[in-house]
């Protein structure tokens, strides 16, 4: 199965598109296009891991490759970046672990 995520990271203005593919409904590969240098580094690190086991990624005790790399490569304010969540959700869809449904976070300052 294949999944595609178009992710607008917000005020930084960076855009990311991820194509996630799974041939066996468990192991997924990522093809990530972005104009953010930090997300490009994340994409490269995820790509070096080869196919990622989606079941281990969602397991509470499993070795979470995606979120481990996020913690290593997106320090400071970037730790709250929306892109990793989009990658994770696309992985779930590609592996048949979730149905494709848009997610949305609306932020506003209130007094």
C-alpha atoms as a PDB file:
ATOM      1  CA  UNK A   1       0.000   0.000   0.000  1.00  0.00           C
ATOM      2  CA  UNK A   2       1.111   3.558  -0.566  1.00  0.00           C
ATOM      3  CA  UNK A   3       0.377   6.721   1.376  1.00  0.00           C
ATOM      4  CA  UNK A   4       1.174  10.363   0.694  1.00  0.00           C
ATOM      5  CA  UNK A   5       1.360  13.183   3.228  1.00  0.00           C
ATOM      6  CA  UNK A   6       1.593  16.867   2.344  1.00  0.00           C
ATOM      7  CA  UNK A   7       2.719  18.672   5.470  1.00  0.00           C
ATOM      8  CA  UNK A   8       2.739  22.439   5.991  1.00  0.00           C
ATOM      9  CA  UNK A   9       4.953  22.884   9.060  1.00  0.00           C
ATOM     10  CA  UNK A  10       3.437  26.260   9.939  1.00  0.00           C
ATOM     11  CA  UNK A  11       4.955  29.653  10.582  1.00  0.00           C
ATOM     12  CA  UNK A  12       8.437  28.540   9.441  1.00  0.00           C
ATOM     13  CA  UNK A  13       7.005  28.216   5.925  1.00  0.00           C
ATOM     14  CA  UNK A  14       8.597  24.844   5.228  1.00  0.00           C
ATOM     15  CA  UNK A  15       6.696  22.247   3.239  1.00  0.00           C
ATOM     16  CA  UNK A  16       7.267  18.503   3.232  1.00  0.00           C
ATOM     17  CA  UNK A  17       5.810  15.787   1.038  1.00  0.00           C
ATOM     18  CA  UNK A  18       6.276  12.182   2.063  1.00  0.00           C
ATOM     19  CA  UNK A  19       5.480   9.083   0.062  1.00  0.00           C
ATOM     20  CA  UNK A  20       5.399   5.988   2.250  1.00  0.00           C
ATOM     21  CA  UNK A  21       5.228   2.498   0.781  1.00  0.00           C
ATOM     22  CA  UNK A  22       4.675  -0.940   2.278  1.00  0.00           C
ATOM     23  CA  UNK A  23       4.760  -4.109   0.214  1.00  0.00           C
ATOM     24  CA  UNK A  24       3.899  -6.431   3.134  1.00  0.00           C
ATOM     25  CA  UNK A  25       1.655  -4.257   5.363  1.00  0.00           C
ATOM     26  CA  UNK A  26       4.391  -4.113   8.002  1.00  0.00           C
ATOM     27  CA  UNK A  27       7.699  -2.749   6.721  1.00  0.00           C
ATOM     28  CA  UNK A  28       7.648   0.745   5.247  1.00  0.00           C
ATOM     29  CA  UNK A  29      10.001   2.890   3.212  1.00  0.00           C
ATOM     30  CA  UNK A  30       9.946   6.674   3.020  1.00  0.00           C
ATOM     31  CA  UNK A  31      10.582   9.028   0.126  1.00  0.00           C
ATOM     32  CA  UNK A  32      10.621  12.551   1.586  1.00  0.00           C
ATOM     33  CA  UNK A  33      10.843  15.854  -0.283  1.00  0.00           C
ATOM     34  CA  UNK A  34      11.260  18.998   1.822  1.00  0.00           C
ATOM     35  CA  UNK A  35      12.696  22.498   1.755  1.00  0.00           C
ATOM     36  CA  UNK A  36      13.720  22.289   5.447  1.00  0.00           C
ATOM     37  CA  UNK A  37      17.343  21.361   6.120  1.00  0.00           C
ATOM     38  CA  UNK A  38      16.513  19.733   9.468  1.00  0.00           C
ATOM     39  CA  UNK A  39      13.741  17.581   8.012  1.00  0.00           C
ATOM     40  CA  UNK A  40      16.075  16.683   5.119  1.00  0.00           C
ATOM     41  CA  UNK A  41      18.565  15.391   7.711  1.00  0.00           C
ATOM     42  CA  UNK A  42      15.744  13.436   9.365  1.00  0.00           C
ATOM     43  CA  UNK A  43      14.736  11.973   5.996  1.00  0.00           C
ATOM     44  CA  UNK A  44      18.311  10.896   5.323  1.00  0.00           C
ATOM     45  CA  UNK A  45      18.605   9.256   8.768  1.00  0.00           C
ATOM     46  CA  UNK A  46      15.310   7.394   8.319  1.00  0.00           C
ATOM     47  CA  UNK A  47      16.344   6.302   4.833  1.00  0.00           C
ATOM     48  CA  UNK A  48      19.621   4.850   6.141  1.00  0.00           C
ATOM     49  CA  UNK A  49      17.647   2.569   8.460  1.00  0.00           C
ATOM     50  CA  UNK A  50      16.146   0.804   5.436  1.00  0.00           C
ATOM     51  CA  UNK A  51      12.597  -0.470   5.708  1.00  0.00           C
ATOM     52  CA  UNK A  52      11.112   0.412   9.087  1.00  0.00           C
ATOM     53  CA  UNK A  53       8.885  -2.052  10.930  1.00  0.00           C
ATOM     54  CA  UNK A  54       5.614  -0.156  11.485  1.00  0.00           C
ATOM     55  CA  UNK A  55       4.512  -2.605  14.177  1.00  0.00           C
ATOM     56  CA  UNK A  56       7.628  -1.865  16.221  1.00  0.00           C
ATOM     57  CA  UNK A  57       7.081   1.871  15.695  1.00  0.00           C
ATOM     58  CA  UNK A  58       3.613   1.737  17.287  1.00  0.00           C
ATOM     59  CA  UNK A  59       4.583  -0.741  20.024  1.00  0.00           C
ATOM     60  CA  UNK A  60       5.021   0.828  23.486  1.00  0.00           C
ATOM     61  CA  UNK A  61       8.169  -1.241  24.054  1.00  0.00           C
ATOM     62  CA  UNK A  62       9.441  -1.380  20.496  1.00  0.00           C
ATOM     63  CA  UNK A  63      12.446   0.462  19.121  1.00  0.00           C
ATOM     64  CA  UNK A  64      10.851   3.572  17.624  1.00  0.00           C
ATOM     65  CA  UNK A  65      13.186   4.587  14.812  1.00  0.00           C
ATOM     66  CA  UNK A  66      11.251   7.658  13.682  1.00  0.00           C
ATOM     67  CA  UNK A  67      10.754   9.296  17.077  1.00  0.00           C
ATOM     68  CA  UNK A  68      14.275   8.378  18.224  1.00  0.00           C
ATOM     69  CA  UNK A  69      15.717  10.176  15.189  1.00  0.00           C
ATOM     70  CA  UNK A  70      13.363  13.120  15.771  1.00  0.00           C
ATOM     71  CA  UNK A  71      14.707  13.546  19.309  1.00  0.00           C
ATOM     72  CA  UNK A  72      18.295  13.378  18.023  1.00  0.00           C
ATOM     73  CA  UNK A  73      17.918  15.702  15.045  1.00  0.00           C
ATOM     74  CA  UNK A  74      15.212  18.236  15.944  1.00  0.00           C
ATOM     75  CA  UNK A  75      16.337  19.953  19.159  1.00  0.00           C
ATOM     76  CA  UNK A  76      15.028  23.197  20.590  1.00  0.00           C
ATOM     77  CA  UNK A  77      11.815  24.603  19.192  1.00  0.00           C
ATOM     78  CA  UNK A  78      11.891  22.108  16.319  1.00  0.00           C
ATOM     79  CA  UNK A  79      10.981  19.301  18.716  1.00  0.00           C
ATOM     80  CA  UNK A  80       7.363  20.485  18.313  1.00  0.00           C
ATOM     81  CA  UNK A  81       7.466  20.270  14.519  1.00  0.00           C
ATOM     82  CA  UNK A  82       4.326  18.851  12.886  1.00  0.00           C
ATOM     83  CA  UNK A  83       6.283  16.934  10.217  1.00  0.00           C
ATOM     84  CA  UNK A  84       7.193  13.896  12.380  1.00  0.00           C
ATOM     85  CA  UNK A  85       3.531  13.398  13.267  1.00  0.00           C
ATOM     86  CA  UNK A  86       2.637  13.526   9.569  1.00  0.00           C
ATOM     87  CA  UNK A  87       5.348  10.976   8.751  1.00  0.00           C
ATOM     88  CA  UNK A  88       4.132   8.692  11.536  1.00  0.00           C
ATOM     89  CA  UNK A  89       0.503   8.899  10.392  1.00  0.00           C
ATOM     90  CA  UNK A  90       1.486   8.220   6.751  1.00  0.00           C
ATOM     91  CA  UNK A  91       3.456   5.183   7.951  1.00  0.00           C
ATOM     92  CA  UNK A  92       0.351   3.877   9.717  1.00  0.00           C
ATOM     93  CA  UNK A  93      -1.756   4.300   6.574  1.00  0.00           C
ATOM     94  CA  UNK A  94       0.833   2.645   4.316  1.00  0.00           C
ATOM     95  CA  UNK A  95       1.034  -0.358   6.656  1.00  0.00           C
ATOM     96  CA  UNK A  96      -2.756  -0.647   6.893  1.00  0.00           C
ATOM     97  CA  UNK A  97      -2.723   0.300  10.592  1.00  0.00           C
ATOM     98  CA  UNK A  98      -4.884   3.403  10.146  1.00  0.00           C
ATOM     99  CA  UNK A  99      -7.352   4.769   7.655  1.00  0.00           C
ATOM    100  CA  UNK A 100      -6.369   7.854   5.672  1.00  0.00           C
ATOM    101  CA  UNK A 101      -7.976  10.837   7.364  1.00  0.00           C
ATOM    102  CA  UNK A 102      -6.653  14.385   7.457  1.00  0.00           C
ATOM    103  CA  UNK A 103      -5.419  15.678  10.768  1.00  0.00           C
ATOM    104  CA  UNK A 104      -5.658  19.350  11.647  1.00  0.00           C
ATOM    105  CA  UNK A 105      -4.275  21.530  14.416  1.00  0.00           C
ATOM    106  CA  UNK A 106      -5.542  25.087  14.592  1.00  0.00           C
ATOM    107  CA  UNK A 107      -3.549  27.474  16.730  1.00  0.00           C
ATOM    108  CA  UNK A 108      -4.596  30.908  17.944  1.00  0.00           C
ATOM    109  CA  UNK A 109      -3.394  33.290  20.603  1.00  0.00           C
ATOM    110  CA  UNK A 110      -6.020  34.175  23.157  1.00  0.00           C
ATOM    111  CA  UNK A 111      -5.976  36.966  25.728  1.00  0.00           C
END
